[in-house]
Amino acid sequence: MRRARKKSSAASIPEYDLHGLTAIEAEREILRVLKLHEGKSGQQVLFIHGKGGSGVIAEVVARVGRRDPRVSQVEPGFLNPGVTTLVLNGKRGGSPPPAKEDYLSLPPPRIRKRKR
């Protein structure tokens, strides 16, 4: 599994580059980063996902941020649509339970054989 590259910032906001990750890898990496920074109230974590392509990684960052109890605010990039900032609320705890509409929690589709 590939990991997001951490970039250093002068403003001390940790930045994580999610370029090149699949949606599942990105979700795991976001949850790992949130666990790393949990308990820090007001901490901002910047995820760089890029503005091109289909926007799947941007949707994953926003969805995980909305569902995770450790995140108080999801801020999509205003001037740069290729980044999303998650603001932590200081809570500690595990990752959220999977939502019913979550593509990871859906059962595999049934394959039916055609009658001839």
PDB file of N, CA and C in Angstrom:
ATOM      1  N   MET A   1       0.837  -1.182   0.000  1.00  0.00           N
ATOM      2  CA  MET A   1       0.000   0.000   0.000  1.00  0.00           C
ATOM      3  C   MET A   1       0.877   1.238   0.000  1.00  0.00           C
ATOM      4  N   ARG A   2       0.536   2.170  -0.855  1.00  0.00           N
ATOM      5  CA  ARG A   2       1.272   3.422  -0.914  1.00  0.00           C
ATOM      6  C   ARG A   2       0.773   4.364   0.165  1.00  0.00           C
ATOM      7  N   ARG A   3       1.660   5.209   0.646  1.00  0.00           N
ATOM      8  CA  ARG A   3       1.289   6.195   1.659  1.00  0.00           C
ATOM      9  C   ARG A   3       1.334   7.578   1.061  1.00  0.00           C
ATOM     10  N   ALA A   4       0.517   8.444   1.620  1.00  0.00           N
ATOM     11  CA  ALA A   4       0.523   9.840   1.189  1.00  0.00           C
ATOM     12  C   ALA A   4       1.828  10.477   1.623  1.00  0.00           C
ATOM     13  N   ARG A   5       2.337  11.346   0.792  1.00  0.00           N
ATOM     14  CA  ARG A   5       3.570  12.046   1.140  1.00  0.00           C
ATOM     15  C   ARG A   5       3.231  13.242   2.011  1.00  0.00           C
ATOM     16  N   LYS A   6       3.950  13.375   3.126  1.00  0.00           N
ATOM     17  CA  LYS A   6       3.743  14.519   4.003  1.00  0.00           C
ATOM     18  C   LYS A   6       4.654  15.641   3.553  1.00  0.00           C
ATOM     19  N   LYS A   7       4.086  16.815   3.421  1.00  0.00           N
ATOM     20  CA  LYS A   7       4.858  17.988   3.052  1.00  0.00           C
ATOM     21  C   LYS A   7       4.971  18.895   4.262  1.00  0.00           C
ATOM     22  N   SER A   8       6.094  19.557   4.399  1.00  0.00           N
ATOM     23  CA  SER A   8       6.244  20.500   5.506  1.00  0.00           C
ATOM     24  C   SER A   8       5.749  21.867   5.052  1.00  0.00           C
ATOM     25  N   SER A   9       5.191  22.594   5.992  1.00  0.00           N
ATOM     26  CA  SER A   9       4.636  23.907   5.688  1.00  0.00           C
ATOM     27  C   SER A   9       5.134  24.908   6.705  1.00  0.00           C
ATOM     28  N   ALA A  10       5.361  26.135   6.257  1.00  0.00           N
ATOM     29  CA  ALA A  10       5.841  27.179   7.162  1.00  0.00           C
ATOM     30  C   ALA A  10       4.780  27.549   8.185  1.00  0.00           C
ATOM     31  N   ALA A  11       3.501  27.372   7.851  1.00  0.00           N
ATOM     32  CA  ALA A  11       2.413  27.744   8.743  1.00  0.00           C
ATOM     33  C   ALA A  11       2.083  26.626   9.732  1.00  0.00           C
ATOM     34  N   SER A  12       2.861  25.577   9.749  1.00  0.00           N
ATOM     35  CA  SER A  12       2.715  24.411  10.630  1.00  0.00           C
ATOM     36  C   SER A  12       1.368  23.703  10.464  1.00  0.00           C
ATOM     37  N   ILE A  13       0.790  23.791   9.282  1.00  0.00           N
ATOM     38  CA  ILE A  13      -0.403  23.004   8.957  1.00  0.00           C
ATOM     39  C   ILE A  13       0.101  21.789   8.196  1.00  0.00           C
ATOM     40  N   PRO A  14      -0.096  20.582   8.745  1.00  0.00           N
ATOM     41  CA  PRO A  14       0.399  19.403   8.033  1.00  0.00           C
ATOM     42  C   PRO A  14      -0.343  19.209   6.712  1.00  0.00           C
ATOM     43  N   GLU A  15       0.422  18.888   5.674  1.00  0.00           N
ATOM     44  CA  GLU A  15      -0.130  18.681   4.347  1.00  0.00           C
ATOM     45  C   GLU A  15       0.162  17.255   3.915  1.00  0.00           C
ATOM     46  N   TYR A  16      -0.835  16.593   3.357  1.00  0.00           N
ATOM     47  CA  TYR A  16      -0.677  15.224   2.881  1.00  0.00           C
ATOM     48  C   TYR A  16      -1.127  15.155   1.431  1.00  0.00           C
ATOM     49  N   ASP A  17      -0.248  14.658   0.579  1.00  0.00           N
ATOM     50  CA  ASP A  17      -0.501  14.564  -0.853  1.00  0.00           C
ATOM     51  C   ASP A  17      -1.095  13.199  -1.167  1.00  0.00           C
ATOM     52  N   LEU A  18      -2.310  13.178  -1.706  1.00  0.00           N
ATOM     53  CA  LEU A  18      -3.010  11.933  -2.010  1.00  0.00           C
ATOM     54  C   LEU A  18      -2.964  11.585  -3.494  1.00  0.00           C
ATOM     55  N   HIS A  19      -2.164  12.295  -4.274  1.00  0.00           N
ATOM     56  CA  HIS A  19      -2.046  12.001  -5.700  1.00  0.00           C
ATOM     57  C   HIS A  19      -1.583  10.559  -5.899  1.00  0.00           C
ATOM     58  N   GLY A  20      -2.194   9.890  -6.851  1.00  0.00           N
ATOM     59  CA  GLY A  20      -1.774   8.545  -7.205  1.00  0.00           C
ATOM     60  C   GLY A  20      -2.386   7.434  -6.376  1.00  0.00           C
ATOM     61  N   LEU A  21      -3.194   7.774  -5.382  1.00  0.00           N
ATOM     62  CA  LEU A  21      -3.834   6.756  -4.554  1.00  0.00           C
ATOM     63  C   LEU A  21      -5.208   6.419  -5.113  1.00  0.00           C
ATOM     64  N   THR A  22      -5.639   5.193  -4.911  1.00  0.00           N
ATOM     65  CA  THR A  22      -7.009   4.826  -5.260  1.00  0.00           C
ATOM     66  C   THR A  22      -7.935   5.359  -4.168  1.00  0.00           C
ATOM     67  N   ALA A  23      -9.236   5.273  -4.394  1.00  0.00           N
ATOM     68  CA  ALA A  23     -10.201   5.768  -3.402  1.00  0.00           C
ATOM     69  C   ALA A  23     -10.069   5.002  -2.090  1.00  0.00           C
ATOM     70  N   ILE A  24      -9.891   3.700  -2.157  1.00  0.00           N
ATOM     71  CA  ILE A  24      -9.777   2.893  -0.936  1.00  0.00           C
ATOM     72  C   ILE A  24      -8.487   3.226  -0.201  1.00  0.00           C
ATOM     73  N   GLU A  25      -7.371   3.348  -0.946  1.00  0.00           N
ATOM     74  CA  GLU A  25      -6.097   3.707  -0.314  1.00  0.00           C
ATOM     75  C   GLU A  25      -6.174   5.097   0.305  1.00  0.00           C
ATOM     76  N   ALA A  26      -6.826   6.033  -0.384  1.00  0.00           N
ATOM     77  CA  ALA A  26      -6.953   7.394   0.136  1.00  0.00           C
ATOM     78  C   ALA A  26      -7.768   7.406   1.421  1.00  0.00           C
ATOM     79  N   GLU A  27      -8.862   6.644   1.462  1.00  0.00           N
ATOM     80  CA  GLU A  27      -9.683   6.609   2.672  1.00  0.00           C
ATOM     81  C   GLU A  27      -8.891   6.043   3.852  1.00  0.00           C
ATOM     82  N   ARG A  28      -8.162   4.979   3.627  1.00  0.00           N
ATOM     83  CA  ARG A  28      -7.329   4.410   4.702  1.00  0.00           C
ATOM     84  C   ARG A  28      -6.278   5.395   5.177  1.00  0.00           C
ATOM     85  N   GLU A  29      -5.671   6.107   4.225  1.00  0.00           N
ATOM     86  CA  GLU A  29      -4.632   7.072   4.574  1.00  0.00           C
ATOM     87  C   GLU A  29      -5.212   8.253   5.352  1.00  0.00           C
ATOM     88  N   ILE A  30      -6.389   8.729   4.970  1.00  0.00           N
ATOM     89  CA  ILE A  30      -7.033   9.834   5.687  1.00  0.00           C
ATOM     90  C   ILE A  30      -7.342   9.417   7.117  1.00  0.00           C
ATOM     91  N   LEU A  31      -7.872   8.218   7.302  1.00  0.00           N
ATOM     92  CA  LEU A  31      -8.179   7.731   8.654  1.00  0.00           C
ATOM     93  C   LEU A  31      -6.903   7.575   9.481  1.00  0.00           C
ATOM     94  N   ARG A  32      -5.805   7.137   8.837  1.00  0.00           N
ATOM     95  CA  ARG A  32      -4.526   7.009   9.546  1.00  0.00           C
ATOM     96  C   ARG A  32      -4.022   8.384   9.999  1.00  0.00           C
ATOM     97  N   VAL A  33      -4.142   9.377   9.125  1.00  0.00           N
ATOM     98  CA  VAL A  33      -3.700  10.731   9.449  1.00  0.00           C
ATOM     99  C   VAL A  33      -4.560  11.324  10.562  1.00  0.00           C
ATOM    100  N   LEU A  34      -5.873  11.102  10.506  1.00  0.00           N
ATOM    101  CA  LEU A  34      -6.744  11.613  11.564  1.00  0.00           C
ATOM    102  C   LEU A  34      -6.417  10.980  12.900  1.00  0.00           C
ATOM    103  N   LYS A  35      -6.079   9.705  12.900  1.00  0.00           N
ATOM    104  CA  LYS A  35      -5.683   9.045  14.152  1.00  0.00           C
ATOM    105  C   LYS A  35      -4.381   9.625  14.672  1.00  0.00           C
ATOM    106  N   LEU A  36      -3.475   9.941  13.763  1.00  0.00           N
ATOM    107  CA  LEU A  36      -2.189  10.530  14.139  1.00  0.00           C
ATOM    108  C   LEU A  36      -2.367  11.894  14.815  1.00  0.00           C
ATOM    109  N   HIS A  37      -3.340  12.679  14.360  1.00  0.00           N
ATOM    110  CA  HIS A  37      -3.538  14.042  14.865  1.00  0.00           C
ATOM    111  C   HIS A  37      -4.725  14.170  15.819  1.00  0.00           C
ATOM    112  N   GLU A  38      -5.362  13.062  16.206  1.00  0.00           N
ATOM    113  CA  GLU A  38      -6.546  13.160  17.062  1.00  0.00           C
ATOM    114  C   GLU A  38      -6.190  13.735  18.425  1.00  0.00           C
ATOM    115  N   GLY A  39      -7.156  14.393  19.033  1.00  0.00           N
ATOM    116  CA  GLY A  39      -6.960  15.005  20.339  1.00  0.00           C
ATOM    117  C   GLY A  39      -6.430  16.426  20.272  1.00  0.00           C
ATOM    118  N   LYS A  40      -6.163  16.917  19.079  1.00  0.00           N
ATOM    119  CA  LYS A  40      -5.633  18.271  18.913  1.00  0.00           C
ATOM    120  C   LYS A  40      -6.765  19.174  18.437  1.00  0.00           C
ATOM    121  N   SER A  41      -7.373  19.889  19.365  1.00  0.00           N
ATOM    122  CA  SER A  41      -8.510  20.745  19.040  1.00  0.00           C
ATOM    123  C   SER A  41      -8.063  21.917  18.170  1.00  0.00           C
ATOM    124  N   GLY A  42      -8.794  22.158  17.097  1.00  0.00           N
ATOM    125  CA  GLY A  42      -8.480  23.260  16.206  1.00  0.00           C
ATOM    126  C   GLY A  42      -7.389  22.962  15.199  1.00  0.00           C
ATOM    127  N   GLN A  43      -6.789  21.787  15.274  1.00  0.00           N
ATOM    128  CA  GLN A  43      -5.726  21.411  14.331  1.00  0.00           C
ATOM    129  C   GLN A  43      -6.299  21.312  12.920  1.00  0.00           C
ATOM    130  N   GLN A  44      -5.653  21.936  11.986  1.00  0.00           N
ATOM    131  CA  GLN A  44      -6.048  21.835  10.587  1.00  0.00           C
ATOM    132  C   GLN A  44      -5.125  20.846   9.891  1.00  0.00           C
ATOM    133  N   VAL A  45      -5.704  20.005   9.037  1.00  0.00           N
ATOM    134  CA  VAL A  45      -4.937  19.053   8.253  1.00  0.00           C
ATOM    135  C   VAL A  45      -5.336  19.258   6.800  1.00  0.00           C
ATOM    136  N   LEU A  46      -4.363  19.522   5.947  1.00  0.00           N
ATOM    137  CA  LEU A  46      -4.604  19.830   4.545  1.00  0.00           C
ATOM    138  C   LEU A  46      -4.322  18.593   3.698  1.00  0.00           C
ATOM    139  N   PHE A  47      -5.309  18.191   2.886  1.00  0.00           N
ATOM    140  CA  PHE A  47      -5.155  17.061   1.978  1.00  0.00           C
ATOM    141  C   PHE A  47      -5.123  17.590   0.551  1.00  0.00           C
ATOM    142  N   ILE A  48      -4.074  17.247  -0.172  1.00  0.00           N
ATOM    143  CA  ILE A  48      -3.911  17.670  -1.556  1.00  0.00           C
ATOM    144  C   ILE A  48      -4.358  16.511  -2.436  1.00  0.00           C
ATOM    145  N   HIS A  49      -5.420  16.726  -3.211  1.00  0.00           N
ATOM    146  CA  HIS A  49      -5.962  15.655  -4.036  1.00  0.00           C
ATOM    147  C   HIS A  49      -5.951  15.998  -5.512  1.00  0.00           C
ATOM    148  N   GLY A  50      -5.721  17.224  -5.865  1.00  0.00           N
ATOM    149  CA  GLY A  50      -5.706  17.637  -7.262  1.00  0.00           C
ATOM    150  C   GLY A  50      -7.088  18.066  -7.717  1.00  0.00           C
ATOM    151  N   LYS A  51      -7.114  18.907  -8.723  1.00  0.00           N
ATOM    152  CA  LYS A  51      -8.399  19.414  -9.200  1.00  0.00           C
ATOM    153  C   LYS A  51      -8.831  18.787 -10.514  1.00  0.00           C
ATOM    154  N   GLY A  52      -7.964  18.019 -11.127  1.00  0.00           N
ATOM    155  CA  GLY A  52      -8.307  17.383 -12.393  1.00  0.00           C
ATOM    156  C   GLY A  52      -8.925  16.012 -12.176  1.00  0.00           C
ATOM    157  N   GLY A  53      -9.167  15.339 -13.256  1.00  0.00           N
ATOM    158  CA  GLY A  53      -9.698  13.987 -13.176  1.00  0.00           C
ATOM    159  C   GLY A  53     -11.168  13.967 -12.808  1.00  0.00           C
ATOM    160  N   SER A  54     -11.575  12.886 -12.194  1.00  0.00           N
ATOM    161  CA  SER A  54     -13.000  12.693 -11.886  1.00  0.00           C
ATOM    162  C   SER A  54     -13.412  13.284 -10.547  1.00  0.00           C
ATOM    163  N   GLY A  55     -12.474  13.657  -9.701  1.00  0.00           N
ATOM    164  CA  GLY A  55     -12.811  14.229  -8.402  1.00  0.00           C
ATOM    165  C   GLY A  55     -13.163  13.202  -7.347  1.00  0.00           C
ATOM    166  N   VAL A  56     -12.828  11.946  -7.594  1.00  0.00           N
ATOM    167  CA  VAL A  56     -13.172  10.878  -6.657  1.00  0.00           C
ATOM    168  C   VAL A  56     -12.459  11.074  -5.321  1.00  0.00           C
ATOM    169  N   ILE A  57     -11.173  11.410  -5.355  1.00  0.00           N
ATOM    170  CA  ILE A  57     -10.415  11.556  -4.109  1.00  0.00           C
ATOM    171  C   ILE A  57     -10.937  12.750  -3.311  1.00  0.00           C
ATOM    172  N   ALA A  58     -11.317  13.829  -3.978  1.00  0.00           N
ATOM    173  CA  ALA A  58     -11.900  14.982  -3.283  1.00  0.00           C
ATOM    174  C   ALA A  58     -13.191  14.580  -2.582  1.00  0.00           C
ATOM    175  N   GLU A  59     -14.005  13.758  -3.243  1.00  0.00           N
ATOM    176  CA  GLU A  59     -15.248  13.280  -2.635  1.00  0.00           C
ATOM    177  C   GLU A  59     -14.964  12.377  -1.436  1.00  0.00           C
ATOM    178  N   VAL A  60     -13.924  11.566  -1.530  1.00  0.00           N
ATOM    179  CA  VAL A  60     -13.565  10.679  -0.415  1.00  0.00           C
ATOM    180  C   VAL A  60     -13.138  11.505   0.791  1.00  0.00           C
ATOM    181  N   VAL A  61     -12.304  12.534   0.571  1.00  0.00           N
ATOM    182  CA  VAL A  61     -11.857  13.390   1.680  1.00  0.00           C
ATOM    183  C   VAL A  61     -13.062  14.059   2.335  1.00  0.00           C
ATOM    184  N   ALA A  62     -13.975  14.604   1.536  1.00  0.00           N
ATOM    185  CA  ALA A  62     -15.148  15.288   2.085  1.00  0.00           C
ATOM    186  C   ALA A  62     -16.058  14.306   2.830  1.00  0.00           C
ATOM    187  N   ARG A  63     -16.258  13.115   2.274  1.00  0.00           N
ATOM    188  CA  ARG A  63     -17.148  12.134   2.907  1.00  0.00           C
ATOM    189  C   ARG A  63     -16.577  11.650   4.237  1.00  0.00           C
ATOM    190  N   VAL A  64     -15.285  11.341   4.259  1.00  0.00           N
ATOM    191  CA  VAL A  64     -14.659  10.899   5.513  1.00  0.00           C
ATOM    192  C   VAL A  64     -14.711  12.025   6.531  1.00  0.00           C
ATOM    193  N   GLY A  65     -14.466  13.254   6.107  1.00  0.00           N
ATOM    194  CA  GLY A  65     -14.514  14.393   7.022  1.00  0.00           C
ATOM    195  C   GLY A  65     -15.891  14.624   7.614  1.00  0.00           C
ATOM    196  N   ARG A  66     -16.935  14.453   6.797  1.00  0.00           N
ATOM    197  CA  ARG A  66     -18.298  14.647   7.305  1.00  0.00           C
ATOM    198  C   ARG A  66     -18.695  13.546   8.281  1.00  0.00           C
ATOM    199  N   ARG A  67     -18.236  12.326   8.067  1.00  0.00           N
ATOM    200  CA  ARG A  67     -18.654  11.193   8.891  1.00  0.00           C
ATOM    201  C   ARG A  67     -17.812  10.991  10.148  1.00  0.00           C
ATOM    202  N   ASP A  68     -16.585  11.451  10.141  1.00  0.00           N
ATOM    203  CA  ASP A  68     -15.682  11.162  11.254  1.00  0.00           C
ATOM    204  C   ASP A  68     -15.994  12.068  12.451  1.00  0.00           C
ATOM    205  N   PRO A  69     -16.164  11.472  13.651  1.00  0.00           N
ATOM    206  CA  PRO A  69     -16.495  12.291  14.833  1.00  0.00           C
ATOM    207  C   PRO A  69     -15.346  13.182  15.296  1.00  0.00           C
ATOM    208  N   ARG A  70     -14.131  12.955  14.813  1.00  0.00           N
ATOM    209  CA  ARG A  70     -12.980  13.778  15.208  1.00  0.00           C
ATOM    210  C   ARG A  70     -12.880  15.062  14.398  1.00  0.00           C
ATOM    211  N   VAL A  71     -13.674  15.189  13.335  1.00  0.00           N
ATOM    212  CA  VAL A  71     -13.597  16.349  12.439  1.00  0.00           C
ATOM    213  C   VAL A  71     -14.771  17.279  12.716  1.00  0.00           C
ATOM    214  N   SER A  72     -14.456  18.552  12.957  1.00  0.00           N
ATOM    215  CA  SER A  72     -15.517  19.524  13.218  1.00  0.00           C
ATOM    216  C   SER A  72     -15.917  20.290  11.964  1.00  0.00           C
ATOM    217  N   GLN A  73     -15.024  20.363  10.987  1.00  0.00           N
ATOM    218  CA  GLN A  73     -15.314  21.183   9.818  1.00  0.00           C
ATOM    219  C   GLN A  73     -14.563  20.647   8.602  1.00  0.00           C
ATOM    220  N   VAL A  74     -15.239  20.658   7.466  1.00  0.00           N
ATOM    221  CA  VAL A  74     -14.631  20.293   6.187  1.00  0.00           C
ATOM    222  C   VAL A  74     -14.617  21.551   5.330  1.00  0.00           C
ATOM    223  N   GLU A  75     -13.426  21.971   4.918  1.00  0.00           N
ATOM    224  CA  GLU A  75     -13.290  23.205   4.143  1.00  0.00           C
ATOM    225  C   GLU A  75     -12.685  22.892   2.783  1.00  0.00           C
ATOM    226  N   PRO A  76     -13.512  22.824   1.732  1.00  0.00           N
ATOM    227  CA  PRO A  76     -12.944  22.647   0.396  1.00  0.00           C
ATOM    228  C   PRO A  76     -12.122  23.874   0.020  1.00  0.00           C
ATOM    229  N   GLY A  77     -11.125  23.680  -0.812  1.00  0.00           N
ATOM    230  CA  GLY A  77     -10.267  24.789  -1.211  1.00  0.00           C
ATOM    231  C   GLY A  77     -11.045  25.883  -1.898  1.00  0.00           C
ATOM    232  N   PHE A  78     -10.953  27.100  -1.393  1.00  0.00           N
ATOM    233  CA  PHE A  78     -11.670  28.226  -1.989  1.00  0.00           C
ATOM    234  C   PHE A  78     -10.897  28.755  -3.191  1.00  0.00           C
ATOM    235  N   LEU A  79      -9.654  29.096  -2.980  1.00  0.00           N
ATOM    236  CA  LEU A  79      -8.830  29.597  -4.071  1.00  0.00           C
ATOM    237  C   LEU A  79      -8.170  28.468  -4.847  1.00  0.00           C
ATOM    238  N   ASN A  80      -7.989  27.312  -4.207  1.00  0.00           N
ATOM    239  CA  ASN A  80      -7.380  26.159  -4.857  1.00  0.00           C
ATOM    240  C   ASN A  80      -8.323  24.966  -4.717  1.00  0.00           C
ATOM    241  N   PRO A  81      -9.061  24.621  -5.769  1.00  0.00           N
ATOM    242  CA  PRO A  81     -10.000  23.499  -5.665  1.00  0.00           C
ATOM    243  C   PRO A  81      -9.325  22.140  -5.567  1.00  0.00           C
ATOM    244  N   GLY A  82      -8.011  22.095  -5.625  1.00  0.00           N
ATOM    245  CA  GLY A  82      -7.289  20.825  -5.537  1.00  0.00           C
ATOM    246  C   GLY A  82      -6.918  20.421  -4.123  1.00  0.00           C
ATOM    247  N   VAL A  83      -7.405  21.161  -3.113  1.00  0.00           N
ATOM    248  CA  VAL A  83      -7.097  20.830  -1.716  1.00  0.00           C
ATOM    249  C   VAL A  83      -8.379  20.860  -0.883  1.00  0.00           C
ATOM    250  N   THR A  84      -8.374  20.110   0.206  1.00  0.00           N
ATOM    251  CA  THR A  84      -9.456  20.133   1.187  1.00  0.00           C
ATOM    252  C   THR A  84      -8.820  20.139   2.564  1.00  0.00           C
ATOM    253  N   THR A  85      -9.301  21.015   3.446  1.00  0.00           N
ATOM    254  CA  THR A  85      -8.790  21.106   4.812  1.00  0.00           C
ATOM    255  C   THR A  85      -9.817  20.529   5.775  1.00  0.00           C
ATOM    256  N   LEU A  86      -9.359  19.664   6.660  1.00  0.00           N
ATOM    257  CA  LEU A  86     -10.199  19.128   7.725  1.00  0.00           C
ATOM    258  C   LEU A  86      -9.755  19.767   9.030  1.00  0.00           C
ATOM    259  N   VAL A  87     -10.701  20.308   9.795  1.00  0.00           N
ATOM    260  CA  VAL A  87     -10.413  20.925  11.088  1.00  0.00           C
ATOM    261  C   VAL A  87     -10.861  19.951  12.168  1.00  0.00           C
ATOM    262  N   LEU A  88      -9.944  19.610  13.064  1.00  0.00           N
ATOM    263  CA  LEU A  88     -10.233  18.634  14.110  1.00  0.00           C
ATOM    264  C   LEU A  88     -10.846  19.310  15.330  1.00  0.00           C
ATOM    265  N   ASN A  89     -11.674  18.554  16.064  1.00  0.00           N
ATOM    266  CA  ASN A  89     -12.369  19.113  17.231  1.00  0.00           C
ATOM    267  C   ASN A  89     -11.771  18.678  18.559  1.00  0.00           C
ATOM    268  N   GLY A  90     -10.731  17.888  18.548  1.00  0.00           N
ATOM    269  CA  GLY A  90     -10.080  17.484  19.791  1.00  0.00           C
ATOM    270  C   GLY A  90     -10.588  16.187  20.376  1.00  0.00           C
ATOM    271  N   LYS A  91     -11.597  15.589  19.775  1.00  0.00           N
ATOM    272  CA  LYS A  91     -12.122  14.315  20.280  1.00  0.00           C
ATOM    273  C   LYS A  91     -11.162  13.188  19.943  1.00  0.00           C
ATOM    274  N   ARG A  92     -11.209  12.181  20.775  1.00  0.00           N
ATOM    275  CA  ARG A  92     -10.439  10.968  20.520  1.00  0.00           C
ATOM    276  C   ARG A  92     -11.420   9.853  20.241  1.00  0.00           C
ATOM    277  N   GLY A  93     -11.002   8.895  19.517  1.00  0.00           N
ATOM    278  CA  GLY A  93     -11.884   7.771  19.240  1.00  0.00           C
ATOM    279  C   GLY A  93     -11.573   7.143  17.909  1.00  0.00           C
ATOM    280  N   GLY A  94     -12.232   6.043  17.663  1.00  0.00           N
ATOM    281  CA  GLY A  94     -12.000   5.297  16.432  1.00  0.00           C
ATOM    282  C   GLY A  94     -12.658   5.937  15.239  1.00  0.00           C
ATOM    283  N   SER A  95     -12.527   5.247  14.151  1.00  0.00           N
ATOM    284  CA  SER A  95     -13.134   5.729  12.923  1.00  0.00           C
ATOM    285  C   SER A  95     -14.646   5.526  12.993  1.00  0.00           C
ATOM    286  N   PRO A  96     -15.398   6.263  12.205  1.00  0.00           N
ATOM    287  CA  PRO A  96     -16.854   6.169  12.269  1.00  0.00           C
ATOM    288  C   PRO A  96     -17.354   4.844  11.714  1.00  0.00           C
ATOM    289  N   PRO A  97     -18.554   4.435  12.099  1.00  0.00           N
ATOM    290  CA  PRO A  97     -19.113   3.219  11.506  1.00  0.00           C
ATOM    291  C   PRO A  97     -19.400   3.457  10.031  1.00  0.00           C
ATOM    292  N   PRO A  98     -19.313   2.427   9.200  1.00  0.00           N
ATOM    293  CA  PRO A  98     -19.557   2.640   7.776  1.00  0.00           C
ATOM    294  C   PRO A  98     -21.008   3.021   7.517  1.00  0.00           C
ATOM    295  N   ALA A  99     -21.206   3.945   6.619  1.00  0.00           N
ATOM    296  CA  ALA A  99     -22.557   4.372   6.256  1.00  0.00           C
ATOM    297  C   ALA A  99     -23.178   3.331   5.334  1.00  0.00           C
ATOM    298  N   LYS A 100     -24.493   3.301   5.287  1.00  0.00           N
ATOM    299  CA  LYS A 100     -25.174   2.320   4.442  1.00  0.00           C
ATOM    300  C   LYS A 100     -24.881   2.562   2.968  1.00  0.00           C
ATOM    301  N   GLU A 101     -24.702   3.824   2.586  1.00  0.00           N
ATOM    302  CA  GLU A 101     -24.441   4.121   1.183  1.00  0.00           C
ATOM    303  C   GLU A 101     -22.960   4.021   0.835  1.00  0.00           C
ATOM    304  N   ASP A 102     -22.141   3.666   1.797  1.00  0.00           N
ATOM    305  CA  ASP A 102     -20.708   3.559   1.576  1.00  0.00           C
ATOM    306  C   ASP A 102     -20.428   2.413   0.605  1.00  0.00           C
ATOM    307  N   TYR A 103     -19.658   2.702  -0.422  1.00  0.00           N
ATOM    308  CA  TYR A 103     -19.375   1.679  -1.422  1.00  0.00           C
ATOM    309  C   TYR A 103     -18.561   0.524  -0.859  1.00  0.00           C
ATOM    310  N   LEU A 104     -17.830   0.752   0.234  1.00  0.00           N
ATOM    311  CA  LEU A 104     -17.027  -0.325   0.831  1.00  0.00           C
ATOM    312  C   LEU A 104     -17.889  -1.304   1.622  1.00  0.00           C
ATOM    313  N   SER A 105     -19.047  -0.862   2.110  1.00  0.00           N
ATOM    314  CA  SER A 105     -19.867  -1.724   2.941  1.00  0.00           C
ATOM    315  C   SER A 105     -20.951  -2.457   2.160  1.00  0.00           C
ATOM    316  N   LEU A 106     -21.036  -2.202   0.861  1.00  0.00           N
ATOM    317  CA  LEU A 106     -22.053  -2.863   0.064  1.00  0.00           C
ATOM    318  C   LEU A 106     -21.655  -4.305  -0.223  1.00  0.00           C
ATOM    319  N   PRO A 107     -22.620  -5.222  -0.218  1.00  0.00           N
ATOM    320  CA  PRO A 107     -22.284  -6.601  -0.562  1.00  0.00           C
ATOM    321  C   PRO A 107     -21.954  -6.695  -2.047  1.00  0.00           C
ATOM    322  N   PRO A 108     -21.201  -7.697  -2.438  1.00  0.00           N
ATOM    323  CA  PRO A 108     -20.882  -7.830  -3.854  1.00  0.00           C
ATOM    324  C   PRO A 108     -22.147  -8.114  -4.658  1.00  0.00           C
ATOM    325  N   PRO A 109     -22.199  -7.670  -5.891  1.00  0.00           N
ATOM    326  CA  PRO A 109     -23.401  -7.896  -6.694  1.00  0.00           C
ATOM    327  C   PRO A 109     -23.589  -9.376  -7.001  1.00  0.00           C
ATOM    328  N   ARG A 110     -24.851  -9.774  -7.090  1.00  0.00           N
ATOM    329  CA  ARG A 110     -25.157 -11.160  -7.427  1.00  0.00           C
ATOM    330  C   ARG A 110     -25.038 -11.333  -8.931  1.00  0.00           C
ATOM    331  N   ILE A 111     -24.417 -12.392  -9.328  1.00  0.00           N
ATOM    332  CA  ILE A 111     -24.275 -12.684 -10.743  1.00  0.00           C
ATOM    333  C   ILE A 111     -25.211 -13.847 -11.059  1.00  0.00           C
ATOM    334  N   ARG A 112     -26.117 -13.590 -11.964  1.00  0.00           N
ATOM    335  CA  ARG A 112     -27.075 -14.626 -12.336  1.00  0.00           C
ATOM    336  C   ARG A 112     -26.704 -15.224 -13.678  1.00  0.00           C
ATOM    337  N   LYS A 113     -26.849 -16.508 -13.758  1.00  0.00           N
ATOM    338  CA  LYS A 113     -26.588 -17.176 -15.028  1.00  0.00           C
ATOM    339  C   LYS A 113     -27.836 -17.067 -15.886  1.00  0.00           C
ATOM    340  N   ARG A 114     -27.610 -16.877 -17.155  1.00  0.00           N
ATOM    341  CA  ARG A 114     -28.729 -16.766 -18.090  1.00  0.00           C
ATOM    342  C   ARG A 114     -29.224 -18.160 -18.451  1.00  0.00           C
ATOM    343  N   LYS A 115     -30.517 -18.285 -18.534  1.00  0.00           N
ATOM    344  CA  LYS A 115     -31.108 -19.546 -18.980  1.00  0.00           C
ATOM    345  C   LYS A 115     -31.105 -19.599 -20.489  1.00  0.00           C
ATOM    346  N   ARG A 116     -30.811 -20.756 -21.004  1.00  0.00           N
ATOM    347  CA  ARG A 116     -30.774 -20.889 -22.475  1.00  0.00           C
ATOM    348  C   ARG A 116     -31.897 -21.719 -22.956  1.00  0.00           C
TER     349      ARG A 116
END
